[in-house]
N, C-alpha and C. Protein backbone atom coordinates (compact mmCIF):
# COMPACT_ATOMS: atom_id res chain seq x y z
N MET A 1 0.84 -1.18 0.00
CA MET A 1 0.00 0.00 0.00
C MET A 1 0.89 1.25 0.00
N ASP A 2 0.70 2.12 -0.98
CA ASP A 2 1.53 3.30 -1.08
C ASP A 2 0.99 4.48 -0.28
N ALA A 3 -0.31 4.59 -0.19
CA ALA A 3 -0.93 5.73 0.48
C ALA A 3 -1.10 5.46 1.97
N LEU A 4 -1.25 6.54 2.71
CA LEU A 4 -1.50 6.41 4.14
C LEU A 4 -2.96 6.03 4.36
N SER A 5 -3.17 5.02 5.17
CA SER A 5 -4.54 4.63 5.49
C SER A 5 -5.05 5.47 6.66
N PRO A 6 -6.34 5.46 6.92
CA PRO A 6 -6.87 6.20 8.06
C PRO A 6 -6.24 5.78 9.39
N TRP A 7 -5.85 4.53 9.52
CA TRP A 7 -5.20 4.07 10.76
C TRP A 7 -3.83 4.73 10.94
N HIS A 8 -3.11 4.89 9.85
CA HIS A 8 -1.82 5.58 9.92
C HIS A 8 -2.00 7.02 10.39
N LEU A 9 -2.97 7.71 9.81
CA LEU A 9 -3.22 9.09 10.19
C LEU A 9 -3.66 9.20 11.65
N LEU A 10 -4.45 8.23 12.11
CA LEU A 10 -4.90 8.22 13.51
C LEU A 10 -3.72 8.01 14.45
N ILE A 11 -2.81 7.14 14.09
CA ILE A 11 -1.62 6.90 14.92
C ILE A 11 -0.73 8.14 14.95
N ILE A 12 -0.56 8.80 13.80
CA ILE A 12 0.24 10.03 13.75
C ILE A 12 -0.39 11.12 14.61
N ALA A 13 -1.71 11.27 14.54
CA ALA A 13 -2.42 12.29 15.34
C ALA A 13 -2.27 11.98 16.83
N ALA A 14 -2.36 10.70 17.20
CA ALA A 14 -2.20 10.33 18.61
C ALA A 14 -0.79 10.63 19.10
N CYS A 15 0.20 10.43 18.26
CA CYS A 15 1.59 10.75 18.64
C CYS A 15 1.76 12.25 18.85
N PHE A 16 1.15 13.06 17.98
CA PHE A 16 1.23 14.52 18.16
C PHE A 16 0.58 14.95 19.46
N VAL A 17 -0.56 14.37 19.78
CA VAL A 17 -1.26 14.73 21.02
C VAL A 17 -0.42 14.32 22.22
N MET A 18 0.21 13.16 22.15
CA MET A 18 1.03 12.71 23.27
C MET A 18 2.29 13.56 23.42
N LEU A 19 2.89 13.96 22.30
CA LEU A 19 4.12 14.74 22.37
C LEU A 19 3.89 16.18 22.80
N PHE A 20 2.89 16.84 22.22
CA PHE A 20 2.71 18.26 22.45
C PHE A 20 1.60 18.61 23.42
N GLY A 21 0.70 17.69 23.69
CA GLY A 21 -0.40 17.98 24.60
C GLY A 21 -1.59 18.58 23.88
N ALA A 22 -2.75 18.35 24.42
CA ALA A 22 -3.99 18.78 23.77
C ALA A 22 -4.16 20.30 23.81
N LYS A 23 -3.57 20.98 24.80
CA LYS A 23 -3.74 22.43 24.91
C LYS A 23 -2.86 23.19 23.91
N ARG A 24 -1.70 22.66 23.59
CA ARG A 24 -0.77 23.38 22.72
C ARG A 24 -1.06 23.17 21.24
N LEU A 25 -1.73 22.10 20.88
CA LEU A 25 -1.99 21.82 19.46
C LEU A 25 -2.88 22.87 18.79
N PRO A 26 -3.99 23.34 19.41
CA PRO A 26 -4.78 24.39 18.74
C PRO A 26 -4.00 25.68 18.55
N ASP A 27 -3.15 26.04 19.53
CA ASP A 27 -2.33 27.25 19.39
C ASP A 27 -1.33 27.09 18.25
N ALA A 28 -0.75 25.92 18.14
CA ALA A 28 0.21 25.67 17.07
C ALA A 28 -0.48 25.73 15.71
N ALA A 29 -1.68 25.15 15.60
CA ALA A 29 -2.42 25.19 14.34
C ALA A 29 -2.83 26.61 13.98
N ARG A 30 -3.21 27.40 14.99
CA ARG A 30 -3.60 28.78 14.76
C ARG A 30 -2.41 29.60 14.26
N SER A 31 -1.26 29.43 14.88
CA SER A 31 -0.08 30.19 14.44
C SER A 31 0.39 29.73 13.07
N LEU A 32 0.23 28.45 12.75
CA LEU A 32 0.58 27.96 11.43
C LEU A 32 -0.35 28.58 10.37
N GLY A 33 -1.63 28.71 10.69
CA GLY A 33 -2.57 29.34 9.77
C GLY A 33 -2.27 30.81 9.55
N ARG A 34 -1.90 31.52 10.63
CA ARG A 34 -1.52 32.94 10.49
C ARG A 34 -0.29 33.09 9.61
N SER A 35 0.69 32.22 9.82
CA SER A 35 1.91 32.28 9.02
C SER A 35 1.61 32.04 7.55
N ALA A 36 0.73 31.09 7.28
CA ALA A 36 0.37 30.80 5.89
C ALA A 36 -0.35 31.99 5.26
N ARG A 37 -1.25 32.66 6.02
CA ARG A 37 -1.94 33.83 5.48
C ARG A 37 -0.97 34.97 5.21
N ILE A 38 -0.01 35.18 6.11
CA ILE A 38 0.98 36.26 5.93
C ILE A 38 1.83 35.97 4.69
N MET A 39 2.26 34.71 4.55
CA MET A 39 3.07 34.36 3.39
C MET A 39 2.28 34.53 2.10
N LYS A 40 1.02 34.15 2.10
CA LYS A 40 0.17 34.30 0.92
C LYS A 40 0.01 35.77 0.55
N ALA A 41 -0.20 36.63 1.56
CA ALA A 41 -0.35 38.06 1.30
C ALA A 41 0.95 38.66 0.77
N GLU A 42 2.09 38.23 1.31
CA GLU A 42 3.38 38.76 0.84
C GLU A 42 3.66 38.32 -0.59
N LEU A 43 3.34 37.07 -0.92
CA LEU A 43 3.55 36.60 -2.29
C LEU A 43 2.65 37.34 -3.27
N LYS A 44 1.41 37.61 -2.85
CA LYS A 44 0.51 38.36 -3.71
C LYS A 44 1.04 39.78 -3.90
N GLY A 45 1.58 40.38 -2.84
CA GLY A 45 2.15 41.71 -2.95
C GLY A 45 3.37 41.74 -3.86
N MET A 46 4.16 40.68 -3.84
CA MET A 46 5.32 40.62 -4.73
C MET A 46 4.90 40.52 -6.19
N HIS A 47 3.81 39.80 -6.47
CA HIS A 47 3.36 39.67 -7.84
C HIS A 47 2.67 40.94 -8.33
N ASP A 48 2.10 41.72 -7.43
CA ASP A 48 1.40 42.94 -7.82
C ASP A 48 2.35 44.09 -8.11
N GLU A 49 3.55 44.10 -7.55
CA GLU A 49 4.44 45.25 -7.66
C GLU A 49 5.77 44.97 -8.35
N PRO A 50 5.86 44.15 -9.37
CA PRO A 50 7.18 43.95 -9.98
C PRO A 50 7.65 45.16 -10.77
N LYS A 51 6.73 45.93 -11.37
CA LYS A 51 7.12 47.10 -12.16
C LYS A 51 7.53 48.25 -11.26
N ALA A 52 6.94 48.37 -10.08
CA ALA A 52 7.30 49.44 -9.16
C ALA A 52 8.71 49.23 -8.64
N GLU A 53 9.10 47.98 -8.39
CA GLU A 53 10.46 47.72 -7.92
C GLU A 53 11.48 48.00 -9.01
N ALA A 54 11.15 47.74 -10.25
CA ALA A 54 12.08 47.98 -11.35
C ALA A 54 12.36 49.47 -11.51
N SER A 55 11.40 50.33 -11.22
CA SER A 55 11.63 51.77 -11.33
C SER A 55 12.57 52.26 -10.25
N HIS A 56 12.59 51.60 -9.09
CA HIS A 56 13.51 51.99 -8.03
C HIS A 56 14.95 51.66 -8.39
N VAL A 57 15.16 50.65 -9.18
CA VAL A 57 16.51 50.26 -9.56
C VAL A 57 17.13 51.29 -10.48
N THR A 58 16.36 51.93 -11.30
CA THR A 58 16.90 52.93 -12.22
C THR A 58 17.20 54.25 -11.53
N ASP A 59 16.75 54.44 -10.28
CA ASP A 59 16.98 55.69 -9.56
C ASP A 59 18.30 55.69 -8.80
N VAL A 60 19.25 54.84 -9.17
CA VAL A 60 20.54 54.76 -8.49
C VAL A 60 21.38 55.96 -8.90
N PRO A 61 21.99 56.68 -7.94
CA PRO A 61 22.81 57.84 -8.30
C PRO A 61 24.06 57.42 -9.09
N ALA A 62 24.48 58.28 -10.01
CA ALA A 62 25.63 57.98 -10.85
C ALA A 62 26.95 58.24 -10.13
N GLU A 63 26.93 58.99 -9.02
CA GLU A 63 28.15 59.31 -8.30
C GLU A 63 28.62 58.11 -7.48
N PRO A 64 29.92 57.89 -7.42
CA PRO A 64 30.42 56.80 -6.58
C PRO A 64 30.29 57.17 -5.10
N ILE A 65 30.14 56.19 -4.29
CA ILE A 65 30.01 56.41 -2.85
C ILE A 65 31.39 56.33 -2.23
N GLU A 66 31.72 57.33 -1.38
CA GLU A 66 33.03 57.35 -0.74
C GLU A 66 33.06 56.35 0.41
N ALA A 67 34.20 55.71 0.56
CA ALA A 67 34.39 54.78 1.66
C ALA A 67 35.14 55.50 2.78
N VAL A 68 34.75 55.24 3.99
CA VAL A 68 35.40 55.83 5.15
C VAL A 68 36.31 54.77 5.74
N VAL A 69 37.60 55.10 5.88
CA VAL A 69 38.57 54.16 6.43
C VAL A 69 38.78 54.51 7.89
N VAL A 70 38.58 53.53 8.73
CA VAL A 70 38.77 53.73 10.16
C VAL A 70 39.97 52.89 10.59
N GLU A 71 40.96 53.55 11.18
CA GLU A 71 42.14 52.83 11.63
C GLU A 71 41.89 52.27 13.02
N PRO A 72 42.33 51.04 13.27
CA PRO A 72 42.12 50.45 14.59
C PRO A 72 43.01 51.11 15.64
N ARG A 73 42.50 51.20 16.85
CA ARG A 73 43.26 51.76 17.96
C ARG A 73 43.52 50.67 18.98
N VAL A 74 44.67 50.72 19.59
CA VAL A 74 45.00 49.78 20.65
C VAL A 74 45.05 50.58 21.95
N VAL A 75 44.21 50.21 22.88
CA VAL A 75 44.15 50.89 24.16
C VAL A 75 44.79 49.98 25.20
N VAL A 76 45.81 50.51 25.87
CA VAL A 76 46.50 49.74 26.89
C VAL A 76 46.21 50.39 28.22
N SER A 77 45.69 49.62 29.13
CA SER A 77 45.40 50.13 30.46
C SER A 77 46.59 49.81 31.36
N GLU A 78 46.93 50.74 32.21
CA GLU A 78 48.08 50.53 33.09
C GLU A 78 47.70 49.70 34.30
N ASP A 79 46.40 49.48 34.52
CA ASP A 79 45.97 48.68 35.66
C ASP A 79 46.13 47.19 35.40
N VAL A 80 46.15 46.80 34.14
CA VAL A 80 46.23 45.38 33.81
C VAL A 80 47.67 45.05 33.44
N PRO A 81 48.30 44.10 34.14
CA PRO A 81 49.69 43.75 33.79
C PRO A 81 49.71 42.92 32.50
N VAL A 82 50.73 43.21 31.66
CA VAL A 82 50.90 42.48 30.41
C VAL A 82 51.91 41.37 30.68
N THR A 83 51.50 40.13 30.53
CA THR A 83 52.41 39.03 30.81
C THR A 83 53.14 38.57 29.55
N ALA A 84 52.43 38.34 28.48
CA ALA A 84 53.07 37.91 27.23
C ALA A 84 52.17 38.28 26.07
N ARG A 85 52.77 38.54 24.93
CA ARG A 85 52.00 38.86 23.74
C ARG A 85 51.92 37.61 22.84
N ALA A 86 51.14 37.70 21.80
CA ALA A 86 50.94 36.56 20.92
C ALA A 86 52.23 36.17 20.20
N ASP A 87 53.13 37.18 19.96
CA ASP A 87 54.36 36.87 19.25
C ASP A 87 55.49 36.41 20.19
N GLY A 88 55.18 36.29 21.48
CA GLY A 88 56.14 35.76 22.45
C GLY A 88 56.99 36.80 23.15
N THR A 89 56.87 38.10 22.80
CA THR A 89 57.65 39.15 23.47
C THR A 89 56.86 39.71 24.63
N ARG A 90 57.54 40.40 25.50
CA ARG A 90 56.88 41.02 26.65
C ARG A 90 56.73 42.48 26.45
């Protein structure tokens, strides 16, 4: 038999009830339904606005963006004794 019989589904449902408890299963199903609705709405929004996103891509400024270089600083506190450095010197 390739398909799941009703007995298989009943055993799977009983395992879920035993693992998660009867009180948590409705909350889990409710949150799963909300997630599915949110995903459906987002996918619909993506299909409705493909031309609007393409117009934003053409609005890129022609000027190059300057990079800011920050040099690292080493702060040595006099309260902490230096025992050895990574290169083996003191």
